[in-house]
Amino acid sequence: MTLTPELFEEIRNDLENDFPKIESITQEDGKIIINADNDTIWELFETLYHGVENIELNAGENEEAFLTITV
């Protein structure tokens, strides 16, 4: 799958509507990077885990919380 600018915008809008506590969603080198508080990151991870082939979670006490999805 190629992450076109249009597809990225559609994904970003859907996620922001479904998870209003998301702080930012960016695109970098074929990856979507989502920043949010720990609770929102865990909720996103649990929601997306089975539908996404390559997802990386970073969340923990005193750490920046984010998900990285490789497309």
Protein backbone atom coordinates (compact mmCIF):
# COMPACT_ATOMS: atom_id res chain seq x y z
CA MET A 1 0.00 0.00 0.00
CA THR A 2 1.26 3.45 -0.87
CA LEU A 3 0.54 6.21 1.58
CA THR A 4 -0.58 9.02 -0.69
CA PRO A 5 -1.21 12.49 0.73
CA GLU A 6 -4.95 11.94 0.22
CA LEU A 7 -4.91 8.60 2.07
CA PHE A 8 -2.86 10.10 4.90
CA GLU A 9 -5.39 12.95 5.29
CA GLU A 10 -8.28 10.48 5.33
CA ILE A 11 -6.58 8.33 7.99
CA ARG A 12 -5.64 11.40 10.03
CA ASN A 13 -9.18 12.79 9.94
CA ASP A 14 -10.73 9.44 10.88
CA LEU A 15 -8.35 8.95 13.82
CA GLU A 16 -8.78 12.51 15.10
CA ASN A 17 -12.56 12.11 14.98
CA ASP A 18 -12.48 8.74 16.76
CA PHE A 19 -9.79 9.70 19.29
CA PRO A 20 -10.13 13.41 20.13
CA LYS A 21 -7.26 13.30 22.66
CA ILE A 22 -4.68 12.71 19.91
CA GLU A 23 -2.10 15.50 20.11
CA SER A 24 -0.61 15.09 16.62
CA ILE A 25 -0.46 12.77 13.63
CA THR A 26 2.47 13.11 11.26
CA GLN A 27 3.83 11.28 8.25
CA GLU A 28 7.52 10.47 7.89
CA ASP A 29 9.29 8.04 5.53
CA GLY A 30 6.23 5.85 4.90
CA LYS A 31 5.25 5.86 8.56
CA ILE A 32 2.36 7.41 10.43
CA ILE A 33 3.38 8.70 13.86
CA ILE A 34 0.63 9.37 16.39
CA ASN A 35 1.32 11.30 19.60
CA ALA A 36 -1.14 11.26 22.49
CA ASP A 37 -1.37 10.61 26.21
CA ASN A 38 -0.67 7.06 27.45
CA ASP A 39 -4.33 6.09 27.83
CA THR A 40 -5.17 7.19 24.29
CA ILE A 41 -2.09 5.47 22.85
CA TRP A 42 -3.06 2.20 24.54
CA GLU A 43 -6.64 2.53 23.30
CA LEU A 44 -5.36 3.18 19.76
CA PHE A 45 -2.97 0.23 19.98
CA GLU A 46 -5.71 -2.14 21.13
CA THR A 47 -8.02 -0.89 18.36
CA LEU A 48 -5.45 -1.02 15.54
CA TYR A 49 -3.29 -3.99 16.58
CA HIS A 50 -5.16 -6.70 14.66
CA GLY A 51 -5.74 -4.60 11.54
CA VAL A 52 -2.21 -3.28 11.02
CA GLU A 53 0.77 -5.43 10.07
CA ASN A 54 3.56 -3.25 11.48
CA ILE A 55 2.77 -1.18 14.56
CA GLU A 56 5.19 -0.02 17.27
CA LEU A 57 4.05 1.24 20.65
CA ASN A 58 5.98 3.54 22.96
CA ALA A 59 4.16 4.33 26.18
CA GLY A 60 5.23 4.35 29.74
CA GLU A 61 5.71 6.43 32.80
CA ASN A 62 7.97 9.43 32.15
CA GLU A 63 8.17 8.65 28.42
CA GLU A 64 6.69 10.31 25.37
CA ALA A 65 3.72 8.20 24.25
CA PHE A 66 3.40 7.46 20.56
CA LEU A 67 2.49 4.83 17.99
CA THR A 68 4.35 4.29 14.75
CA ILE A 69 2.57 2.51 11.91
CA THR A 70 4.68 1.48 8.92
CA VAL A 71 2.68 1.45 5.71
